[in-house]
Protein backbone atom coordinates (compact mmCIF):
# COMPACT_ATOMS: atom_id res chain seq x y z
CA UNK A 1 0.13 -0.08 -0.11
CA UNK A 2 1.10 3.62 -0.70
CA UNK A 3 0.26 6.46 1.14
CA UNK A 4 -2.38 7.99 -1.14
CA UNK A 5 -6.24 8.42 -0.54
CA UNK A 6 -6.64 6.70 -3.82
CA UNK A 7 -4.61 3.54 -2.44
CA UNK A 8 -7.14 3.27 0.88
CA UNK A 9 -9.96 3.61 -1.78
CA UNK A 10 -8.69 0.77 -3.81
CA UNK A 11 -8.22 -1.38 -0.76
CA UNK A 12 -12.22 -0.78 0.38
CA UNK A 13 -13.41 -1.57 -3.07
CA UNK A 14 -11.38 -4.84 -3.26
CA UNK A 15 -12.45 -5.81 0.09
CA UNK A 16 -16.23 -5.17 -1.09
CA UNK A 17 -15.60 -7.17 -4.28
CA UNK A 18 -14.10 -9.99 -2.37
CA UNK A 19 -17.48 -10.00 -0.40
CA UNK A 20 -19.25 -10.57 -3.64
CA UNK A 21 -17.45 -13.17 -5.18
CA UNK A 22 -20.02 -15.92 -6.15
CA UNK A 23 -19.36 -19.78 -5.67
CA UNK A 24 -16.95 -19.02 -2.89
CA UNK A 25 -17.12 -21.82 -0.06
CA UNK A 26 -18.40 -20.67 3.39
CA UNK A 27 -14.78 -20.58 4.77
CA UNK A 28 -13.63 -18.32 2.09
CA UNK A 29 -16.96 -16.09 2.92
CA UNK A 30 -16.12 -15.99 6.36
CA UNK A 31 -12.42 -15.10 5.79
CA UNK A 32 -13.77 -12.28 3.27
CA UNK A 33 -16.09 -10.71 5.78
CA UNK A 34 -13.80 -11.03 8.70
CA UNK A 35 -10.88 -9.42 6.64
CA UNK A 36 -13.65 -6.56 5.62
CA UNK A 37 -14.65 -6.01 8.91
CA UNK A 38 -10.62 -5.39 9.69
CA UNK A 39 -10.36 -3.17 6.71
CA UNK A 40 -13.42 -1.05 7.58
CA UNK A 41 -11.99 -0.37 11.14
CA UNK A 42 -8.48 0.71 9.75
CA UNK A 43 -10.18 2.80 7.24
CA UNK A 44 -12.18 4.43 9.67
CA UNK A 45 -9.27 5.37 12.05
CA UNK A 46 -7.60 6.60 8.72
CA UNK A 47 -10.50 8.90 8.08
CA UNK A 48 -10.91 10.10 11.60
CA UNK A 49 -7.30 10.81 11.33
CA UNK A 50 -7.42 13.03 8.37
CA UNK A 51 -10.51 14.66 9.72
CA UNK A 52 -8.58 16.12 12.66
CA UNK A 53 -5.71 17.26 10.19
CA UNK A 54 -8.45 19.16 7.95
CA UNK A 55 -9.58 20.72 11.14
CA UNK A 56 -6.19 21.43 12.35
CA UNK A 57 -5.39 23.09 8.89
CA UNK A 58 -9.01 24.75 9.01
CA UNK A 59 -8.42 26.27 12.22
CA UNK A 60 -4.66 27.41 11.67
CA UNK A 61 -6.08 29.15 8.26
CA UNK A 62 -8.70 30.75 10.09
CA UNK A 63 -6.19 32.16 12.68
CA UNK A 64 -3.83 33.28 9.84
CA UNK A 65 -1.07 30.80 10.88
CA UNK A 66 -1.46 27.95 8.29
CA UNK A 67 2.18 26.64 7.31
CA UNK A 68 3.37 27.30 4.05
CA UNK A 69 4.33 23.35 3.82
CA UNK A 70 0.30 23.00 4.11
CA UNK A 71 -0.57 25.48 1.36
CA UNK A 72 -0.97 24.69 -2.24
CA UNK A 73 2.53 25.31 -4.34
CA UNK A 74 0.98 28.51 -5.87
CA UNK A 75 -0.22 29.76 -2.46
CA UNK A 76 3.25 28.95 -0.74
CA UNK A 77 4.92 30.85 -3.59
CA UNK A 78 2.92 33.98 -3.32
CA UNK A 79 3.50 34.16 0.42
CA UNK A 80 7.01 33.73 -0.23
CA UNK A 81 6.79 36.33 -2.66
CA UNK A 82 4.80 38.69 -0.37
CA UNK A 83 7.42 38.27 2.06
CA UNK A 84 10.50 39.18 -0.09
CA UNK A 85 11.88 35.93 0.26
CA UNK A 86 11.82 34.74 -3.27
CA UNK A 87 12.27 31.11 -4.24
């Protein structure tokens, strides 16, 4: 797994596809269900973590304290120019 949101989506879709496999024996179905539950638990923790990060960025932005590293490259460049820091 990489560290991108699309990779998390791909894993969730794969877990759902495993649950939908026709002709699977009961043992394989139970294993797929157990794995899907584990994936769901981890995904929910990941989502909660991202929500906290987004909230922190929003608060920092509202206070005018948004770090340059969080800003988009265009905004970061404008901020450096405004501060006379160049590139």
